[in-house]
Amino acid sequence: MGYYINKNSKGELLSPINKTQALIADGAKITTARFQPNLVCVVENGLFDAAGYCFSKEEFEQFNNPNDDRPKTWLIYEHAAKLSGYKS
């Protein structure tokens, strides 16, 4: 798990918490936990949220680990690849 989103499409730094709301305000849409293009998983870690780009099915499976009980929100975000720095 290695590509994370820390800025929105306007280049503004995302707050350490409430990343789901910030990404929705920037055009992301809530979805279900299934691998699909532009998938982002926002994991609530307590003091900070991590918005991870699920660039592959394997990456998705890491974020969707049934033994990980941290709260997660799944988003479709058209800017995911670019803002995460992912290079295919």
PDB file of N, CA and C in Angstrom:
ATOM      1  N   MET A   1       0.865  -1.165   0.000  1.00  0.00           N
ATOM      2  CA  MET A   1       0.000   0.000   0.000  1.00  0.00           C
ATOM      3  C   MET A   1       0.907   1.222   0.000  1.00  0.00           C
ATOM      4  N   GLY A   2       0.874   1.974  -1.125  1.00  0.00           N
ATOM      5  CA  GLY A   2       1.859   3.006  -1.192  1.00  0.00           C
ATOM      6  C   GLY A   2       1.547   4.287  -1.913  1.00  0.00           C
ATOM      7  N   TYR A   3       0.358   4.475  -2.481  1.00  0.00           N
ATOM      8  CA  TYR A   3       0.056   5.727  -3.174  1.00  0.00           C
ATOM      9  C   TYR A   3      -1.098   6.411  -2.457  1.00  0.00           C
ATOM     10  N   TYR A   4      -0.795   7.593  -1.897  1.00  0.00           N
ATOM     11  CA  TYR A   4      -1.771   8.299  -1.072  1.00  0.00           C
ATOM     12  C   TYR A   4      -2.048   9.679  -1.626  1.00  0.00           C
ATOM     13  N   ILE A   5      -3.238  10.171  -1.340  1.00  0.00           N
ATOM     14  CA  ILE A   5      -3.684  11.478  -1.814  1.00  0.00           C
ATOM     15  C   ILE A   5      -3.664  12.440  -0.633  1.00  0.00           C
ATOM     16  N   ASN A   6      -2.895  13.508  -0.760  1.00  0.00           N
ATOM     17  CA  ASN A   6      -2.769  14.497   0.310  1.00  0.00           C
ATOM     18  C   ASN A   6      -3.144  15.902  -0.118  1.00  0.00           C
ATOM     19  N   LYS A   7      -3.480  16.061  -1.415  1.00  0.00           N
ATOM     20  CA  LYS A   7      -3.916  17.361  -1.935  1.00  0.00           C
ATOM     21  C   LYS A   7      -5.154  17.139  -2.789  1.00  0.00           C
ATOM     22  N   ASN A   8      -5.962  18.205  -2.933  1.00  0.00           N
ATOM     23  CA  ASN A   8      -7.124  18.111  -3.826  1.00  0.00           C
ATOM     24  C   ASN A   8      -6.718  18.539  -5.241  1.00  0.00           C
ATOM     25  N   SER A   9      -7.670  18.564  -6.149  1.00  0.00           N
ATOM     26  CA  SER A   9      -7.361  18.881  -7.549  1.00  0.00           C
ATOM     27  C   SER A   9      -6.957  20.337  -7.763  1.00  0.00           C
ATOM     28  N   LYS A  10      -7.170  21.179  -6.767  1.00  0.00           N
ATOM     29  CA  LYS A  10      -6.757  22.581  -6.842  1.00  0.00           C
ATOM     30  C   LYS A  10      -5.362  22.779  -6.249  1.00  0.00           C
ATOM     31  N   GLY A  11      -4.749  21.691  -5.780  1.00  0.00           N
ATOM     32  CA  GLY A  11      -3.423  21.764  -5.185  1.00  0.00           C
ATOM     33  C   GLY A  11      -3.424  22.114  -3.717  1.00  0.00           C
ATOM     34  N   GLU A  12      -4.590  22.163  -3.100  1.00  0.00           N
ATOM     35  CA  GLU A  12      -4.689  22.509  -1.682  1.00  0.00           C
ATOM     36  C   GLU A  12      -4.435  21.281  -0.814  1.00  0.00           C
ATOM     37  N   LEU A  13      -3.639  21.449   0.223  1.00  0.00           N
ATOM     38  CA  LEU A  13      -3.320  20.371   1.141  1.00  0.00           C
ATOM     39  C   LEU A  13      -4.576  19.939   1.895  1.00  0.00           C
ATOM     40  N   LEU A  14      -4.808  18.632   1.966  1.00  0.00           N
ATOM     41  CA  LEU A  14      -5.942  18.108   2.716  1.00  0.00           C
ATOM     42  C   LEU A  14      -5.608  18.083   4.202  1.00  0.00           C
ATOM     43  N   SER A  15      -6.601  18.352   5.016  1.00  0.00           N
ATOM     44  CA  SER A  15      -6.449  18.281   6.462  1.00  0.00           C
ATOM     45  C   SER A  15      -6.141  16.839   6.859  1.00  0.00           C
ATOM     46  N   PRO A  16      -5.439  16.617   7.962  1.00  0.00           N
ATOM     47  CA  PRO A  16      -5.150  15.248   8.388  1.00  0.00           C
ATOM     48  C   PRO A  16      -6.408  14.409   8.681  1.00  0.00           C
ATOM     49  N   ILE A  17      -7.499  15.059   9.045  1.00  0.00           N
ATOM     50  CA  ILE A  17      -8.758  14.344   9.278  1.00  0.00           C
ATOM     51  C   ILE A  17      -9.836  14.896   8.348  1.00  0.00           C
ATOM     52  N   ASN A  18     -10.934  14.171   8.241  1.00  0.00           N
ATOM     53  CA  ASN A  18     -12.064  14.552   7.379  1.00  0.00           C
ATOM     54  C   ASN A  18     -11.702  14.544   5.895  1.00  0.00           C
ATOM     55  N   LYS A  19     -10.804  13.650   5.489  1.00  0.00           N
ATOM     56  CA  LYS A  19     -10.411  13.582   4.080  1.00  0.00           C
ATOM     57  C   LYS A  19     -11.567  13.121   3.193  1.00  0.00           C
ATOM     58  N   THR A  20     -12.424  12.267   3.714  1.00  0.00           N
ATOM     59  CA  THR A  20     -13.581  11.840   2.918  1.00  0.00           C
ATOM     60  C   THR A  20     -14.405  13.039   2.488  1.00  0.00           C
ATOM     61  N   GLN A  21     -14.742  13.902   3.428  1.00  0.00           N
ATOM     62  CA  GLN A  21     -15.558  15.075   3.121  1.00  0.00           C
ATOM     63  C   GLN A  21     -14.842  16.017   2.159  1.00  0.00           C
ATOM     64  N   ALA A  22     -13.543  16.184   2.338  1.00  0.00           N
ATOM     65  CA  ALA A  22     -12.783  17.062   1.455  1.00  0.00           C
ATOM     66  C   ALA A  22     -12.752  16.524   0.030  1.00  0.00           C
ATOM     67  N   LEU A  23     -12.593  15.217  -0.120  1.00  0.00           N
ATOM     68  CA  LEU A  23     -12.563  14.631  -1.456  1.00  0.00           C
ATOM     69  C   LEU A  23     -13.939  14.663  -2.105  1.00  0.00           C
ATOM     70  N   ILE A  24     -14.990  14.460  -1.323  1.00  0.00           N
ATOM     71  CA  ILE A  24     -16.354  14.577  -1.865  1.00  0.00           C
ATOM     72  C   ILE A  24     -16.599  16.009  -2.334  1.00  0.00           C
ATOM     73  N   ALA A  25     -16.146  16.980  -1.568  1.00  0.00           N
ATOM     74  CA  ALA A  25     -16.295  18.383  -1.974  1.00  0.00           C
ATOM     75  C   ALA A  25     -15.535  18.667  -3.267  1.00  0.00           C
ATOM     76  N   ASP A  26     -14.540  17.837  -3.584  1.00  0.00           N
ATOM     77  CA  ASP A  26     -13.733  17.999  -4.794  1.00  0.00           C
ATOM     78  C   ASP A  26     -14.191  17.050  -5.911  1.00  0.00           C
ATOM     79  N   GLY A  27     -15.370  16.462  -5.756  1.00  0.00           N
ATOM     80  CA  GLY A  27     -15.954  15.672  -6.839  1.00  0.00           C
ATOM     81  C   GLY A  27     -15.976  14.171  -6.661  1.00  0.00           C
ATOM     82  N   ALA A  28     -15.404  13.641  -5.582  1.00  0.00           N
ATOM     83  CA  ALA A  28     -15.432  12.195  -5.353  1.00  0.00           C
ATOM     84  C   ALA A  28     -16.851  11.746  -5.034  1.00  0.00           C
ATOM     85  N   LYS A  29     -17.128  10.483  -5.333  1.00  0.00           N
ATOM     86  CA  LYS A  29     -18.442   9.888  -5.075  1.00  0.00           C
ATOM     87  C   LYS A  29     -18.264   8.641  -4.218  1.00  0.00           C
ATOM     88  N   ILE A  30     -19.119   8.467  -3.230  1.00  0.00           N
ATOM     89  CA  ILE A  30     -19.091   7.270  -2.395  1.00  0.00           C
ATOM     90  C   ILE A  30     -19.495   6.068  -3.239  1.00  0.00           C
ATOM     91  N   THR A  31     -18.815   4.946  -3.002  1.00  0.00           N
ATOM     92  CA  THR A  31     -19.093   3.713  -3.728  1.00  0.00           C
ATOM     93  C   THR A  31     -18.976   2.533  -2.770  1.00  0.00           C
ATOM     94  N   THR A  32     -19.064   1.348  -3.315  1.00  0.00           N
ATOM     95  CA  THR A  32     -18.940   0.127  -2.516  1.00  0.00           C
ATOM     96  C   THR A  32     -17.517  -0.413  -2.602  1.00  0.00           C
ATOM     97  N   ALA A  33     -17.216  -1.352  -1.729  1.00  0.00           N
ATOM     98  CA  ALA A  33     -15.891  -1.960  -1.677  1.00  0.00           C
ATOM     99  C   ALA A  33     -15.773  -3.048  -2.741  1.00  0.00           C
ATOM    100  N   ARG A  34     -15.519  -2.611  -3.973  1.00  0.00           N
ATOM    101  CA  ARG A  34     -15.211  -3.532  -5.069  1.00  0.00           C
ATOM    102  C   ARG A  34     -14.232  -2.821  -5.980  1.00  0.00           C
ATOM    103  N   PHE A  35     -13.282  -3.583  -6.523  1.00  0.00           N
ATOM    104  CA  PHE A  35     -12.259  -2.961  -7.350  1.00  0.00           C
ATOM    105  C   PHE A  35     -12.877  -2.378  -8.610  1.00  0.00           C
ATOM    106  N   GLN A  36     -12.522  -1.137  -8.907  1.00  0.00           N
ATOM    107  CA  GLN A  36     -12.995  -0.409 -10.080  1.00  0.00           C
ATOM    108  C   GLN A  36     -12.036   0.753 -10.339  1.00  0.00           C
ATOM    109  N   PRO A  37     -12.064   1.332 -11.523  1.00  0.00           N
ATOM    110  CA  PRO A  37     -11.151   2.442 -11.829  1.00  0.00           C
ATOM    111  C   PRO A  37     -11.337   3.627 -10.880  1.00  0.00           C
ATOM    112  N   ASN A  38     -10.238   4.299 -10.580  1.00  0.00           N
ATOM    113  CA  ASN A  38     -10.230   5.515  -9.760  1.00  0.00           C
ATOM    114  C   ASN A  38     -10.715   5.294  -8.334  1.00  0.00           C
ATOM    115  N   LEU A  39     -10.491   4.105  -7.804  1.00  0.00           N
ATOM    116  CA  LEU A  39     -10.955   3.759  -6.462  1.00  0.00           C
ATOM    117  C   LEU A  39      -9.994   4.287  -5.399  1.00  0.00           C
ATOM    118  N   VAL A  40     -10.571   4.921  -4.390  1.00  0.00           N
ATOM    119  CA  VAL A  40      -9.826   5.433  -3.240  1.00  0.00           C
ATOM    120  C   VAL A  40     -10.448   4.863  -1.980  1.00  0.00           C
ATOM    121  N   CYS A  41      -9.604   4.457  -1.049  1.00  0.00           N
ATOM    122  CA  CYS A  41     -10.065   4.015   0.260  1.00  0.00           C
ATOM    123  C   CYS A  41      -9.551   5.008   1.294  1.00  0.00           C
ATOM    124  N   VAL A  42     -10.481   5.652   1.998  1.00  0.00           N
ATOM    125  CA  VAL A  42     -10.083   6.552   3.074  1.00  0.00           C
ATOM    126  C   VAL A  42     -10.186   5.756   4.374  1.00  0.00           C
ATOM    127  N   VAL A  43      -9.039   5.593   5.022  1.00  0.00           N
ATOM    128  CA  VAL A  43      -8.959   4.829   6.259  1.00  0.00           C
ATOM    129  C   VAL A  43      -8.810   5.810   7.419  1.00  0.00           C
ATOM    130  N   GLU A  44      -9.697   5.684   8.407  1.00  0.00           N
ATOM    131  CA  GLU A  44      -9.631   6.538   9.590  1.00  0.00           C
ATOM    132  C   GLU A  44      -8.703   5.882  10.611  1.00  0.00           C
ATOM    133  N   ASN A  45      -7.593   6.550  10.893  1.00  0.00           N
ATOM    134  CA  ASN A  45      -6.574   6.025  11.804  1.00  0.00           C
ATOM    135  C   ASN A  45      -6.586   6.693  13.174  1.00  0.00           C
ATOM    136  N   GLY A  46      -7.607   7.438  13.498  1.00  0.00           N
ATOM    137  CA  GLY A  46      -7.649   8.150  14.776  1.00  0.00           C
ATOM    138  C   GLY A  46      -7.157   9.571  14.612  1.00  0.00           C
ATOM    139  N   LEU A  47      -5.858   9.783  14.717  1.00  0.00           N
ATOM    140  CA  LEU A  47      -5.308  11.133  14.613  1.00  0.00           C
ATOM    141  C   LEU A  47      -5.216  11.642  13.187  1.00  0.00           C
ATOM    142  N   PHE A  48      -5.305  10.740  12.215  1.00  0.00           N
ATOM    143  CA  PHE A  48      -5.245  11.161  10.819  1.00  0.00           C
ATOM    144  C   PHE A  48      -5.989  10.153   9.946  1.00  0.00           C
ATOM    145  N   ASP A  49      -6.409  10.627   8.781  1.00  0.00           N
ATOM    146  CA  ASP A  49      -7.013   9.772   7.763  1.00  0.00           C
ATOM    147  C   ASP A  49      -5.988   9.544   6.659  1.00  0.00           C
ATOM    148  N   ALA A  50      -6.040   8.378   6.048  1.00  0.00           N
ATOM    149  CA  ALA A  50      -5.176   8.068   4.906  1.00  0.00           C
ATOM    150  C   ALA A  50      -6.075   7.792   3.709  1.00  0.00           C
ATOM    151  N   ALA A  51      -5.871   8.535   2.624  1.00  0.00           N
ATOM    152  CA  ALA A  51      -6.638   8.348   1.395  1.00  0.00           C
ATOM    153  C   ALA A  51      -5.754   7.600   0.407  1.00  0.00           C
ATOM    154  N   GLY A  52      -5.924   6.292   0.347  1.00  0.00           N
ATOM    155  CA  GLY A  52      -5.081   5.451  -0.485  1.00  0.00           C
ATOM    156  C   GLY A  52      -5.708   5.165  -1.837  1.00  0.00           C
ATOM    157  N   TYR A  53      -4.894   5.262  -2.869  1.00  0.00           N
ATOM    158  CA  TYR A  53      -5.334   4.970  -4.233  1.00  0.00           C
ATOM    159  C   TYR A  53      -5.191   3.470  -4.487  1.00  0.00           C
ATOM    160  N   CYS A  54      -6.289   2.820  -4.816  1.00  0.00           N
ATOM    161  CA  CYS A  54      -6.298   1.374  -5.105  1.00  0.00           C
ATOM    162  C   CYS A  54      -6.072   1.188  -6.604  1.00  0.00           C
ATOM    163  N   PHE A  55      -4.816   1.212  -7.008  1.00  0.00           N
ATOM    164  CA  PHE A  55      -4.443   1.197  -8.424  1.00  0.00           C
ATOM    165  C   PHE A  55      -4.485  -0.188  -9.060  1.00  0.00           C
ATOM    166  N   SER A  56      -4.618  -1.232  -8.254  1.00  0.00           N
ATOM    167  CA  SER A  56      -4.684  -2.596  -8.773  1.00  0.00           C
ATOM    168  C   SER A  56      -5.601  -3.431  -7.890  1.00  0.00           C
ATOM    169  N   LYS A  57      -5.970  -4.586  -8.404  1.00  0.00           N
ATOM    170  CA  LYS A  57      -6.820  -5.475  -7.611  1.00  0.00           C
ATOM    171  C   LYS A  57      -6.088  -5.919  -6.342  1.00  0.00           C
ATOM    172  N   GLU A  58      -4.785  -6.145  -6.439  1.00  0.00           N
ATOM    173  CA  GLU A  58      -4.000  -6.542  -5.275  1.00  0.00           C
ATOM    174  C   GLU A  58      -3.974  -5.429  -4.226  1.00  0.00           C
ATOM    175  N   GLU A  59      -3.823  -4.207  -4.680  1.00  0.00           N
ATOM    176  CA  GLU A  59      -3.833  -3.071  -3.758  1.00  0.00           C
ATOM    177  C   GLU A  59      -5.196  -2.956  -3.090  1.00  0.00           C
ATOM    178  N   PHE A  60      -6.262  -3.124  -3.858  1.00  0.00           N
ATOM    179  CA  PHE A  60      -7.615  -3.106  -3.305  1.00  0.00           C
ATOM    180  C   PHE A  60      -7.760  -4.175  -2.218  1.00  0.00           C
ATOM    181  N   GLU A  61      -7.272  -5.374  -2.484  1.00  0.00           N
ATOM    182  CA  GLU A  61      -7.389  -6.461  -1.522  1.00  0.00           C
ATOM    183  C   GLU A  61      -6.641  -6.158  -0.227  1.00  0.00           C
ATOM    184  N   GLN A  62      -5.522  -5.438  -0.319  1.00  0.00           N
ATOM    185  CA  GLN A  62      -4.799  -5.022   0.891  1.00  0.00           C
ATOM    186  C   GLN A  62      -5.661  -4.080   1.738  1.00  0.00           C
ATOM    187  N   PHE A  63      -6.279  -3.111   1.101  1.00  0.00           N
ATOM    188  CA  PHE A  63      -7.130  -2.165   1.827  1.00  0.00           C
ATOM    189  C   PHE A  63      -8.409  -2.827   2.335  1.00  0.00           C
ATOM    190  N   ASN A  64      -8.876  -3.849   1.647  1.00  0.00           N
ATOM    191  CA  ASN A  64     -10.136  -4.504   1.998  1.00  0.00           C
ATOM    192  C   ASN A  64      -9.920  -5.732   2.894  1.00  0.00           C
ATOM    193  N   ASN A  65      -8.819  -5.797   3.584  1.00  0.00           N
ATOM    194  CA  ASN A  65      -8.492  -6.904   4.469  1.00  0.00           C
ATOM    195  C   ASN A  65      -9.568  -7.047   5.548  1.00  0.00           C
ATOM    196  N   PRO A  66     -10.217  -8.211   5.637  1.00  0.00           N
ATOM    197  CA  PRO A  66     -11.286  -8.388   6.631  1.00  0.00           C
ATOM    198  C   PRO A  66     -10.791  -8.342   8.079  1.00  0.00           C
ATOM    199  N   ASN A  67      -9.493  -8.491   8.300  1.00  0.00           N
ATOM    200  CA  ASN A  67      -8.942  -8.421   9.654  1.00  0.00           C
ATOM    201  C   ASN A  67      -8.622  -6.992  10.096  1.00  0.00           C
ATOM    202  N   ASP A  68      -8.777  -6.044   9.205  1.00  0.00           N
ATOM    203  CA  ASP A  68      -8.525  -4.626   9.508  1.00  0.00           C
ATOM    204  C   ASP A  68      -9.862  -3.980   9.829  1.00  0.00           C
ATOM    205  N   ASP A  69     -10.080  -3.675  11.100  1.00  0.00           N
ATOM    206  CA  ASP A  69     -11.388  -3.153  11.509  1.00  0.00           C
ATOM    207  C   ASP A  69     -11.459  -1.629  11.596  1.00  0.00           C
ATOM    208  N   ARG A  70     -10.453  -0.938  11.058  1.00  0.00           N
ATOM    209  CA  ARG A  70     -10.527   0.528  11.060  1.00  0.00           C
ATOM    210  C   ARG A  70     -11.656   0.979  10.139  1.00  0.00           C
ATOM    211  N   PRO A  71     -12.335   2.093  10.486  1.00  0.00           N
ATOM    212  CA  PRO A  71     -13.394   2.610   9.610  1.00  0.00           C
ATOM    213  C   PRO A  71     -12.822   3.012   8.248  1.00  0.00           C
ATOM    214  N   LYS A  72     -13.538   2.641   7.187  1.00  0.00           N
ATOM    215  CA  LYS A  72     -13.110   2.939   5.817  1.00  0.00           C
ATOM    216  C   LYS A  72     -14.280   3.470   5.017  1.00  0.00           C
ATOM    217  N   THR A  73     -13.978   4.383   4.118  1.00  0.00           N
ATOM    218  CA  THR A  73     -14.944   4.878   3.141  1.00  0.00           C
ATOM    219  C   THR A  73     -14.335   4.684   1.771  1.00  0.00           C
ATOM    220  N   TRP A  74     -15.138   4.138   0.848  1.00  0.00           N
ATOM    221  CA  TRP A  74     -14.698   3.875  -0.519  1.00  0.00           C
ATOM    222  C   TRP A  74     -15.238   4.957  -1.430  1.00  0.00           C
ATOM    223  N   LEU A  75     -14.357   5.515  -2.257  1.00  0.00           N
ATOM    224  CA  LEU A  75     -14.717   6.614  -3.142  1.00  0.00           C
ATOM    225  C   LEU A  75     -14.250   6.345  -4.571  1.00  0.00           C
ATOM    226  N   ILE A  76     -14.962   6.894  -5.523  1.00  0.00           N
ATOM    227  CA  ILE A  76     -14.483   7.002  -6.896  1.00  0.00           C
ATOM    228  C   ILE A  76     -14.079   8.465  -7.064  1.00  0.00           C
ATOM    229  N   TYR A  77     -12.833   8.663  -7.455  1.00  0.00           N
ATOM    230  CA  TYR A  77     -12.274  10.021  -7.532  1.00  0.00           C
ATOM    231  C   TYR A  77     -11.458  10.124  -8.813  1.00  0.00           C
ATOM    232  N   GLU A  78     -11.944  10.881  -9.765  1.00  0.00           N
ATOM    233  CA  GLU A  78     -11.318  10.936 -11.094  1.00  0.00           C
ATOM    234  C   GLU A  78      -9.872  11.416 -11.075  1.00  0.00           C
ATOM    235  N   HIS A  79      -9.461  12.102 -10.042  1.00  0.00           N
ATOM    236  CA  HIS A  79      -8.095  12.636  -9.949  1.00  0.00           C
ATOM    237  C   HIS A  79      -7.150  11.708  -9.185  1.00  0.00           C
ATOM    238  N   ALA A  80      -7.608  10.519  -8.816  1.00  0.00           N
ATOM    239  CA  ALA A  80      -6.855   9.642  -7.913  1.00  0.00           C
ATOM    240  C   ALA A  80      -5.446   9.333  -8.405  1.00  0.00           C
ATOM    241  N   ALA A  81      -5.311   8.870  -9.620  1.00  0.00           N
ATOM    242  CA  ALA A  81      -3.981   8.475 -10.127  1.00  0.00           C
ATOM    243  C   ALA A  81      -3.032   9.673 -10.144  1.00  0.00           C
ATOM    244  N   LYS A  82      -3.476  10.768 -10.691  1.00  0.00           N
ATOM    245  CA  LYS A  82      -2.616  11.944 -10.819  1.00  0.00           C
ATOM    246  C   LYS A  82      -2.191  12.484  -9.453  1.00  0.00           C
ATOM    247  N   LEU A  83      -3.146  12.635  -8.535  1.00  0.00           N
ATOM    248  CA  LEU A  83      -2.828  13.249  -7.252  1.00  0.00           C
ATOM    249  C   LEU A  83      -2.056  12.320  -6.317  1.00  0.00           C
ATOM    250  N   SER A  84      -2.139  11.017  -6.558  1.00  0.00           N
ATOM    251  CA  SER A  84      -1.400  10.081  -5.705  1.00  0.00           C
ATOM    252  C   SER A  84       0.047   9.950  -6.170  1.00  0.00           C
ATOM    253  N   GLY A  85       0.345  10.413  -7.372  1.00  0.00           N
ATOM    254  CA  GLY A  85       1.685  10.266  -7.907  1.00  0.00           C
ATOM    255  C   GLY A  85       1.935   8.926  -8.571  1.00  0.00           C
ATOM    256  N   TYR A  86       0.872   8.157  -8.758  1.00  0.00           N
ATOM    257  CA  TYR A  86       0.994   6.823  -9.364  1.00  0.00           C
ATOM    258  C   TYR A  86       1.464   6.927 -10.800  1.00  0.00           C
ATOM    259  N   LYS A  87       2.435   6.108 -11.137  1.00  0.00           N
ATOM    260  CA  LYS A  87       2.935   6.010 -12.513  1.00  0.00           C
ATOM    261  C   LYS A  87       2.705   4.574 -12.968  1.00  0.00           C
ATOM    262  N   SER A  88       1.915   4.402 -14.024  1.00  0.00           N
ATOM    263  CA  SER A  88       1.631   3.038 -14.500  1.00  0.00           C
ATOM    264  C   SER A  88       2.769   2.466 -15.304  1.00  0.00           C
TER     265      SER A  88
END
